[in-house]
Structure formats: C-alpha cells, structure tokens
C-alpha atoms as a PDB file:
ATOM      1  CA  MET A   1    -135.291 104.478 -19.716  1.00  0.00           C
ATOM      2  CA  VAL A   2    -132.605 106.460 -17.871  1.00  0.00           C
ATOM      3  CA  GLU A   3    -133.962 107.231 -14.391  1.00  0.00           C
ATOM      4  CA  ASP A   4    -132.085 107.214 -11.076  1.00  0.00           C
ATOM      5  CA  GLU A   5    -135.147 107.217  -8.769  1.00  0.00           C
ATOM      6  CA  GLU A   6    -135.739 103.505  -8.202  1.00  0.00           C
ATOM      7  CA  ALA A   7    -139.395 103.829  -7.215  1.00  0.00           C
ATOM      8  CA  MET A   8    -140.174 106.016 -10.240  1.00  0.00           C
ATOM      9  CA  ALA A   9    -138.300 103.688 -12.596  1.00  0.00           C
ATOM     10  CA  ARG A  10    -140.114 100.667 -11.176  1.00  0.00           C
ATOM     11  CA  VAL A  11    -143.568 102.218 -11.604  1.00  0.00           C
ATOM     12  CA  ILE A  12    -142.888 103.410 -15.156  1.00  0.00           C
ATOM     13  CA  ARG A  13    -141.328 100.113 -16.187  1.00  0.00           C
ATOM     14  CA  ARG A  14    -144.212  98.074 -14.784  1.00  0.00           C
ATOM     15  CA  GLY A  15    -146.785 100.290 -16.492  1.00  0.00           C
ATOM     16  CA  LEU A  16    -145.019 100.170 -19.863  1.00  0.00           C
ATOM     17  CA  GLU A  17    -144.587  96.412 -19.666  1.00  0.00           C
ATOM     18  CA  GLN A  18    -148.292  96.058 -18.939  1.00  0.00           C
ATOM     19  CA  ALA A  19    -148.847  98.080 -22.135  1.00  0.00           C
ATOM     20  CA  ALA A  20    -146.774  95.460 -24.022  1.00  0.00           C
ATOM     21  CA  PHE A  21    -143.477  97.371 -24.222  1.00  0.00           C
ATOM     22  CA  THR A  22    -140.079  95.885 -23.420  1.00  0.00           C
ATOM     23  CA  VAL A  23    -138.075  98.238 -21.177  1.00  0.00           C
ATOM     24  CA  ASP A  24    -134.385  98.404 -20.247  1.00  0.00           C
ATOM     25  CA  VAL A  25    -133.398 100.694 -17.367  1.00  0.00           C
ATOM     26  CA  ALA A  26    -130.176 102.579 -16.617  1.00  0.00           C
ATOM     27  CA  SER A  27    -129.809 104.406 -13.301  1.00  0.00           C
ATOM     28  CA  GLU A  28    -127.200 107.000 -14.296  1.00  0.00           C
ATOM     29  CA  GLY A  29    -126.268 109.055 -17.316  1.00  0.00           C
ATOM     30  CA  THR A  30    -123.049 107.421 -18.505  1.00  0.00           C
ATOM     31  CA  SER A  31    -124.451 103.887 -18.611  1.00  0.00           C
ATOM     32  CA  GLY A  32    -127.679 105.203 -20.124  1.00  0.00           C
ATOM     33  CA  LEU A  33    -125.732 106.847 -22.948  1.00  0.00           C
ATOM     34  CA  GLN A  34    -123.774 103.650 -23.599  1.00  0.00           C
ATOM     35  CA  MET A  35    -126.940 101.539 -23.656  1.00  0.00           C
ATOM     36  CA  ALA A  36    -128.714 103.966 -25.980  1.00  0.00           C
ATOM     37  CA  LEU A  37    -125.812 103.970 -28.434  1.00  0.00           C
ATOM     38  CA  ALA A  38    -125.311 100.194 -28.319  1.00  0.00           C
ATOM     39  CA  GLY A  39    -128.931  99.078 -28.434  1.00  0.00           C
ATOM     40  CA  ARG A  40    -131.678  99.242 -31.041  1.00  0.00           C
ATOM     41  CA  TYR A  41    -134.378 101.142 -29.181  1.00  0.00           C
ATOM     42  CA  ALA A  42    -137.624 102.657 -30.424  1.00  0.00           C
ATOM     43  CA  LEU A  43    -137.716 105.383 -27.737  1.00  0.00           C
ATOM     44  CA  ILE A  44    -135.584 106.829 -24.933  1.00  0.00           C
ATOM     45  CA  ILE A  45    -137.188 108.120 -21.713  1.00  0.00           C
ATOM     46  CA  LEU A  46    -134.569 110.379 -20.157  1.00  0.00           C
ATOM     47  CA  ASP A  47    -134.579 111.997 -16.718  1.00  0.00           C
ATOM     48  CA  LEU A  48    -132.665 115.274 -16.408  1.00  0.00           C
ATOM     49  CA  MET A  49    -131.192 115.151 -12.911  1.00  0.00           C
ATOM     50  CA  LEU A  50    -128.917 112.103 -13.130  1.00  0.00           C
ATOM     51  CA  PRO A  51    -125.643 111.053 -11.497  1.00  0.00           C
ATOM     52  CA  GLY A  52    -122.719 111.022 -13.894  1.00  0.00           C
ATOM     53  CA  LEU A  53    -123.856 112.789 -17.052  1.00  0.00           C
ATOM     54  CA  ASP A  54    -127.056 114.796 -16.640  1.00  0.00           C
ATOM     55  CA  GLY A  55    -129.929 114.382 -19.085  1.00  0.00           C
ATOM     56  CA  TRP A  56    -129.021 117.440 -21.129  1.00  0.00           C
ATOM     57  CA  ARG A  57    -125.485 116.124 -21.691  1.00  0.00           C
ATOM     58  CA  VAL A  58    -126.784 112.659 -22.579  1.00  0.00           C
ATOM     59  CA  CYS A  59    -129.243 114.131 -25.082  1.00  0.00           C
ATOM     60  CA  GLU A  60    -126.615 116.393 -26.652  1.00  0.00           C
ATOM     61  CA  GLU A  61    -124.182 113.483 -26.996  1.00  0.00           C
ATOM     62  CA  LEU A  62    -126.788 111.218 -28.574  1.00  0.00           C
ATOM     63  CA  ARG A  63    -127.691 113.846 -31.156  1.00  0.00           C
ATOM     64  CA  ALA A  64    -124.018 114.650 -31.803  1.00  0.00           C
ATOM     65  CA  ARG A  65    -123.504 110.957 -32.607  1.00  0.00           C
ATOM     66  CA  ARG A  66    -126.452 111.024 -35.019  1.00  0.00           C
ATOM     67  CA  CYS A  67    -128.752 108.952 -32.822  1.00  0.00           C
ATOM     68  CA  ARG A  68    -132.206 109.890 -34.093  1.00  0.00           C
ATOM     69  CA  VAL A  69    -134.248 107.774 -31.662  1.00  0.00           C
ATOM     70  CA  PRO A  70    -137.106 109.878 -30.194  1.00  0.00           C
ATOM     71  CA  ILE A  71    -136.315 111.208 -26.707  1.00  0.00           C
ATOM     72  CA  LEU A  72    -138.917 111.993 -24.043  1.00  0.00           C
ATOM     73  CA  MET A  73    -137.407 114.057 -21.215  1.00  0.00           C
ATOM     74  CA  LEU A  74    -138.740 113.820 -17.662  1.00  0.00           C
ATOM     75  CA  SER A  75    -137.905 116.347 -14.983  1.00  0.00           C
ATOM     76  CA  ALA A  76    -139.149 118.050 -11.847  1.00  0.00           C
ATOM     77  CA  ARG A  77    -137.768 121.212 -13.486  1.00  0.00           C
ATOM     78  CA  GLY A  78    -140.855 122.373 -15.352  1.00  0.00           C
ATOM     79  CA  THR A  79    -140.221 126.026 -16.180  1.00  0.00           C
ATOM     80  CA  VAL A  80    -140.597 127.268 -19.741  1.00  0.00           C
ATOM     81  CA  GLU A  81    -136.825 127.853 -19.853  1.00  0.00           C
ATOM     82  CA  ASP A  82    -136.132 124.234 -18.879  1.00  0.00           C
ATOM     83  CA  ARG A  83    -138.613 122.899 -21.435  1.00  0.00           C
ATOM     84  CA  VAL A  84    -137.115 125.071 -24.159  1.00  0.00           C
ATOM     85  CA  ARG A  85    -133.584 123.996 -23.235  1.00  0.00           C
ATOM     86  CA  GLY A  86    -134.620 120.339 -23.318  1.00  0.00           C
ATOM     87  CA  LEU A  87    -136.173 120.673 -26.750  1.00  0.00           C
ATOM     88  CA  GLU A  88    -133.241 122.681 -28.046  1.00  0.00           C
ATOM     89  CA  THR A  89    -130.720 120.041 -26.952  1.00  0.00           C
ATOM     90  CA  GLY A  90    -132.573 117.548 -29.144  1.00  0.00           C
ATOM     91  CA  ALA A  91    -135.430 116.108 -27.094  1.00  0.00           C
ATOM     92  CA  ASP A  92    -138.682 115.445 -28.923  1.00  0.00           C
ATOM     93  CA  ASP A  93    -140.967 115.998 -25.940  1.00  0.00           C
ATOM     94  CA  TYR A  94    -140.727 117.151 -22.311  1.00  0.00           C
ATOM     95  CA  LEU A  95    -142.954 115.981 -19.463  1.00  0.00           C
ATOM     96  CA  PRO A  96    -142.657 117.758 -16.082  1.00  0.00           C
ATOM     97  CA  LYS A  97    -142.885 115.728 -12.868  1.00  0.00           C
ATOM     98  CA  PRO A  98    -145.179 114.860 -11.222  1.00  0.00           C
ATOM     99  CA  PHE A  99    -147.326 113.392 -13.976  1.00  0.00           C
ATOM    100  CA  GLU A 100    -150.069 110.832 -14.439  1.00  0.00           C
ATOM    101  CA  PHE A 101    -148.881 107.577 -16.004  1.00  0.00           C
ATOM    102  CA  SER A 102    -151.726 107.755 -18.517  1.00  0.00           C
ATOM    103  CA  GLU A 103    -150.234 110.978 -19.906  1.00  0.00           C
ATOM    104  CA  LEU A 104    -146.752 109.446 -20.100  1.00  0.00           C
ATOM    105  CA  LEU A 105    -148.147 106.457 -21.974  1.00  0.00           C
ATOM    106  CA  ALA A 106    -150.044 108.716 -24.382  1.00  0.00           C
ATOM    107  CA  ARG A 107    -146.886 110.721 -25.103  1.00  0.00           C
ATOM    108  CA  VAL A 108    -144.844 107.535 -25.626  1.00  0.00           C
ATOM    109  CA  ARG A 109    -147.371 106.265 -28.145  1.00  0.00           C
ATOM    110  CA  ALA A 110    -147.567 109.663 -29.861  1.00  0.00           C
ATOM    111  CA  LEU A 111    -143.776 109.842 -30.247  1.00  0.00           C
ATOM    112  CA  LEU A 112    -143.594 106.315 -31.635  1.00  0.00           C
ATOM    113  CA  ARG A 113    -146.442 107.075 -34.034  1.00  0.00           C
ATOM    114  CA  ARG A 114    -144.787 110.326 -35.101  1.00  0.00           C
ATOM    115  CA  ASP A 115    -141.433 108.600 -35.644  1.00  0.00           C
ATOM    116  CA  ARG A 116    -143.073 106.031 -37.912  1.00  0.00           C
ATOM    117  CA  VAL A 117    -144.762 108.862 -39.817  1.00  0.00           C
ATOM    118  CA  HIS A 118    -141.486 110.755 -40.279  1.00  0.00           C
ATOM    119  CA  ARG A 119    -139.767 107.644 -41.583  1.00  0.00           C
ATOM    120  CA  THR A 120    -142.435 107.455 -44.274  1.00  0.00           C
ATOM    121  CA  ARG A 121    -141.645 111.139 -45.035  1.00  0.00           C
ATOM    122  CA  VAL A 122    -145.329 112.091 -45.067  1.00  0.00           C
ATOM    123  CA  ILE A 123    -147.352 113.464 -42.148  1.00  0.00           C
ATOM    124  CA  ARG A 124    -151.114 112.987 -42.495  1.00  0.00           C
ATOM    125  CA  ILE A 125    -153.536 114.723 -40.146  1.00  0.00           C
ATOM    126  CA  GLY A 126    -157.113 114.470 -41.343  1.00  0.00           C
ATOM    127  CA  ASP A 127    -157.100 115.636 -44.969  1.00  0.00           C
ATOM    128  CA  LEU A 128    -153.840 117.552 -44.487  1.00  0.00           C
ATOM    129  CA  GLU A 129    -150.686 115.994 -45.974  1.00  0.00           C
ATOM    130  CA  ILE A 130    -147.144 117.245 -45.389  1.00  0.00           C
ATOM    131  CA  ASP A 131    -144.371 115.735 -47.517  1.00  0.00           C
ATOM    132  CA  THR A 132    -141.349 116.406 -45.298  1.00  0.00           C
ATOM    133  CA  ALA A 133    -138.861 115.367 -47.978  1.00  0.00           C
ATOM    134  CA  GLN A 134    -140.196 117.781 -50.614  1.00  0.00           C
ATOM    135  CA  ARG A 135    -141.606 120.342 -48.127  1.00  0.00           C
ATOM    136  CA  ARG A 136    -144.908 120.201 -49.983  1.00  0.00           C
ATOM    137  CA  VAL A 137    -148.316 120.630 -48.355  1.00  0.00           C
ATOM    138  CA  THR A 138    -151.799 119.746 -49.565  1.00  0.00           C
ATOM    139  CA  ARG A 139    -155.221 119.796 -47.945  1.00  0.00           C
ATOM    140  CA  ALA A 140    -158.099 117.840 -49.450  1.00  0.00           C
ATOM    141  CA  GLY A 141    -155.795 117.198 -52.390  1.00  0.00           C
ATOM    142  CA  GLN A 142    -155.221 120.884 -53.117  1.00  0.00           C
ATOM    143  CA  PRO A 143    -151.608 122.193 -53.011  1.00  0.00           C
ATOM    144  CA  ILE A 144    -150.861 124.969 -50.515  1.00  0.00           C
ATOM    145  CA  GLY A 145    -147.979 127.377 -51.056  1.00  0.00           C
ATOM    146  CA  LEU A 146    -146.126 128.273 -47.854  1.00  0.00           C
ATOM    147  CA  SER A 147    -143.134 130.450 -47.100  1.00  0.00           C
ATOM    148  CA  ARG A 148    -140.154 128.822 -45.364  1.00  0.00           C
ATOM    149  CA  ARG A 149    -141.208 130.111 -41.954  1.00  0.00           C
ATOM    150  CA  GLU A 150    -144.833 129.113 -42.489  1.00  0.00           C
ATOM    151  CA  TYR A 151    -143.748 125.596 -43.451  1.00  0.00           C
ATOM    152  CA  ASP A 152    -141.388 125.294 -40.464  1.00  0.00           C
ATOM    153  CA  LEU A 153    -144.177 126.440 -38.152  1.00  0.00           C
ATOM    154  CA  LEU A 154    -146.642 123.958 -39.653  1.00  0.00           C
ATOM    155  CA  GLU A 155    -144.223 121.043 -39.377  1.00  0.00           C
ATOM    156  CA  ALA A 156    -143.420 121.962 -35.763  1.00  0.00           C
ATOM    157  CA  LEU A 157    -147.129 121.839 -34.903  1.00  0.00           C
ATOM    158  CA  ALA A 158    -147.793 118.705 -36.966  1.00  0.00           C
ATOM    159  CA  GLY A 159    -144.820 116.918 -35.429  1.00  0.00           C
ATOM    160  CA  HIS A 160    -146.534 117.312 -32.043  1.00  0.00           C
ATOM    161  CA  GLU A 161    -150.064 116.518 -33.207  1.00  0.00           C
ATOM    162  CA  GLY A 162    -152.619 117.072 -30.466  1.00  0.00           C
ATOM    163  CA  GLN A 163    -150.074 118.621 -28.094  1.00  0.00           C
ATOM    164  CA  VAL A 164    -150.038 122.266 -27.078  1.00  0.00           C
ATOM    165  CA  LEU A 165    -146.850 124.166 -27.937  1.00  0.00           C
ATOM    166  CA  THR A 166    -146.280 127.402 -26.054  1.00  0.00           C
ATOM    167  CA  ARG A 167    -145.312 130.549 -27.930  1.00  0.00           C
ATOM    168  CA  ASP A 168    -141.846 130.398 -26.370  1.00  0.00           C
ATOM    169  CA  VAL A 169    -141.246 126.833 -27.545  1.00  0.00           C
ATOM    170  CA  ILE A 170    -142.507 127.645 -31.056  1.00  0.00           C
ATOM    171  CA  GLN A 171    -140.330 130.742 -31.243  1.00  0.00           C
ATOM    172  CA  GLU A 172    -137.243 128.786 -30.166  1.00  0.00           C
ATOM    173  CA  ARG A 173    -137.913 125.995 -32.665  1.00  0.00           C
ATOM    174  CA  VAL A 174    -138.867 128.089 -35.698  1.00  0.00           C
ATOM    175  CA  TRP A 175    -137.026 131.382 -35.151  1.00  0.00           C
ATOM    176  CA  ALA A 176    -133.932 130.125 -33.301  1.00  0.00           C
ATOM    177  CA  ASP A 177    -131.630 131.571 -35.981  1.00  0.00           C
ATOM    178  CA  THR A 178    -132.913 135.137 -35.747  1.00  0.00           C
ATOM    179  CA  GLU A 179    -134.611 137.579 -33.403  1.00  0.00           C
ATOM    180  CA  ALA A 180    -138.378 137.663 -33.489  1.00  0.00           C
ATOM    181  CA  TYR A 181    -140.881 140.180 -32.149  1.00  0.00           C
ATOM    182  CA  SER A 182    -143.138 139.185 -29.271  1.00  0.00           C
ATOM    183  CA  ASN A 183    -146.165 138.791 -31.565  1.00  0.00           C
ATOM    184  CA  THR A 184    -144.337 137.020 -34.420  1.00  0.00           C
ATOM    185  CA  VAL A 185    -145.767 133.592 -33.568  1.00  0.00           C
ATOM    186  CA  ASP A 186    -149.328 134.966 -33.439  1.00  0.00           C
ATOM    187  CA  VAL A 187    -148.869 136.739 -36.788  1.00  0.00           C
ATOM    188  CA  TYR A 188    -147.608 133.591 -38.503  1.00  0.00           C
ATOM    189  CA  ILE A 189    -150.347 131.470 -36.968  1.00  0.00           C
ATOM    190  CA  GLY A 190    -152.745 133.918 -38.624  1.00  0.00           C
ATOM    191  CA  PHE A 191    -150.966 133.453 -41.964  1.00  0.00           C
ATOM    192  CA  LEU A 192    -151.169 129.658 -41.609  1.00  0.00           C
ATOM    193  CA  ARG A 193    -154.851 129.703 -40.707  1.00  0.00           C
ATOM    194  CA  LYS A 194    -155.668 131.633 -43.873  1.00  0.00           C
ATOM    195  CA  LYS A 195    -153.864 129.018 -45.961  1.00  0.00           C
ATOM    196  CA  ILE A 196    -154.606 125.798 -44.060  1.00  0.00           C
ATOM    197  CA  ASP A 197    -158.066 126.298 -42.557  1.00  0.00           C
ATOM    198  CA  ALA A 198    -159.779 128.930 -44.728  1.00  0.00           C
ATOM    199  CA  GLY A 199    -162.580 127.398 -46.761  1.00  0.00           C
ATOM    200  CA  HIS A 200    -162.719 124.212 -44.671  1.00  0.00           C
ATOM    201  CA  ALA A 201    -165.537 123.408 -42.285  1.00  0.00           C
ATOM    202  CA  GLU A 202    -163.214 121.797 -39.719  1.00  0.00           C
ATOM    203  CA  PRO A 203    -160.205 123.859 -38.537  1.00  0.00           C
ATOM    204  CA  LEU A 204    -156.993 122.009 -37.710  1.00  0.00           C
ATOM    205  CA  ILE A 205    -155.105 124.825 -35.954  1.00  0.00           C
ATOM    206  CA  HIS A 206    -156.422 125.651 -32.484  1.00  0.00           C
ATOM    207  CA  THR A 207    -155.620 128.370 -29.950  1.00  0.00           C
ATOM    208  CA  ILE A 208    -155.348 127.283 -26.321  1.00  0.00           C
ATOM    209  CA  ARG A 209    -156.023 130.594 -24.618  1.00  0.00           C
ATOM    210  CA  GLY A 210    -153.195 131.781 -22.418  1.00  0.00           C
ATOM    211  CA  VAL A 211    -150.988 128.797 -23.313  1.00  0.00           C
ATOM    212  CA  GLY A 212    -150.242 128.415 -27.018  1.00  0.00           C
ATOM    213  CA  TYR A 213    -151.334 126.512 -30.109  1.00  0.00           C
ATOM    214  CA  CYS A 214    -151.908 122.969 -31.267  1.00  0.00           C
ATOM    215  CA  LEU A 215    -152.736 121.212 -34.502  1.00  0.00           C
ATOM    216  CA  ARG A 216    -155.134 118.292 -34.261  1.00  0.00           C
ATOM    217  CA  ARG A 217    -157.425 116.316 -36.529  1.00  0.00           C
ATOM    218  CA  PRO A 218    -161.177 117.029 -36.463  1.00  0.00           C
ATOM    219  CA  GLU A 219    -163.292 115.215 -33.891  1.00  0.00           C
ATOM    220  CA  PRO A 220    -165.298 112.289 -35.316  1.00  0.00           C
ATOM    221  CA  GLU A 221    -168.927 113.089 -35.983  1.00  0.00           C
ATOM    222  CA  GLY A 222    -171.113 112.465 -32.985  1.00  0.00           C
ATOM    223  CA  SER A 223    -168.297 112.862 -30.426  1.00  0.00           C
ATOM    224  CA  GLN A 224    -168.605 115.394 -27.629  1.00  0.00           C
END
C-alpha cells in the first residue's frame, strides 16, 4: 500500500491484516514504486496525492515496466474525469475517498479473484465463459459470435464483475482509439444483450439507471 496519510494507512493495514492479508506500506511515491518493482505482491493499493511521485506517475511507471500486478487507486478526487484518467493510466479499479472499509475489502478480494481468473485465461460468470486467449465466448455451452467491439465491451464488464461501470469509463476503455457517439455504449449494450441474454431466463447484463452498466451472475434461488 502506498499511502502518505498515516491514520488512513494504519486503519487500512489493520483491517487487511485482520482479514489475513500481509501488508507492506510506503508513505511516498518513489519508495512505493521501488517496493512494488522489487517485491512479489498480489495487489497494490495506491493513493493519488503522494509526495515525490504522484499515484498517476507511479501507475504509469509500473505499467511501462510491465508490472501486471492489479492496482486499486484511492483518492479524494472522485470526478468521472479523475476515475477515467486513473483507469487509463493502468489502474484496475478506483475507489473515491471517503469509503467504508467493507467496500475496500470487497474490491481487494474482487481484484485478486479476477487476477486469478485472468491467469487461467478463462472468465466464468454463471454459465457464461469467456476464453480471453482465444477471444471465444459461450453461454450454457453454446458458442456466441461477437464483433471485436462487442467482445471488448463484454470483457470490460466481465473483468469488473458485479461492479457498475459508467458510460464514460466504458467509452474510454472500449473506444479509446476512435471517436464514439454519445449513445454508442447504449447501442452496443443492446447488441450484447441480444447475443448474451436473449433466450435465457436469468439476464447477466444489468442497467443501473442514471449510472451505467454491470455484469453479474444470477442471484441464488431463494435469495432476496
């Protein structure tokens, strides 16, 4: 964890250790970068506003040096532009301050789970399977043909299973190499729904009204 606020670092470290994680802490960007490159870590929690190198610079340098460890950014800067910039510099998730520790812990576990899934090259969500090496998709064992953009959109959602991605974040991640119309994300979500959810009793793609979209597995029978 790279965090210069001592009280914040102490609370997060204590909570993670109680959840059975081992945590090293750096209090400024340069030492945090050196530790991240020298150590064998499962996850990096990275504050943005740091002395020395700021979090964006640290993240960019880690990715430039082919460090693929998942990065969770923390910042009091919570605008859409800041979240997009964080994700575009290479972060895997972005959590605005202030936050509840329970949410931080859930995101840590989700990122670690997702990283293990990506190393196996297959993402499984319910009866949906995404082979990230071959870019092949099946649901309930049936192959699904997707265009390049449809596949990129699906993998972006699946890589953040259960989390809501705003339209702006999706557009930056999937259409970063070209201009897109304001309703492009909505149109492609419609395309995906017809291919992923049509004919299935339980939809996987969900609209969070006024916010964005998420992909999550069906609720177990009997749950509320």
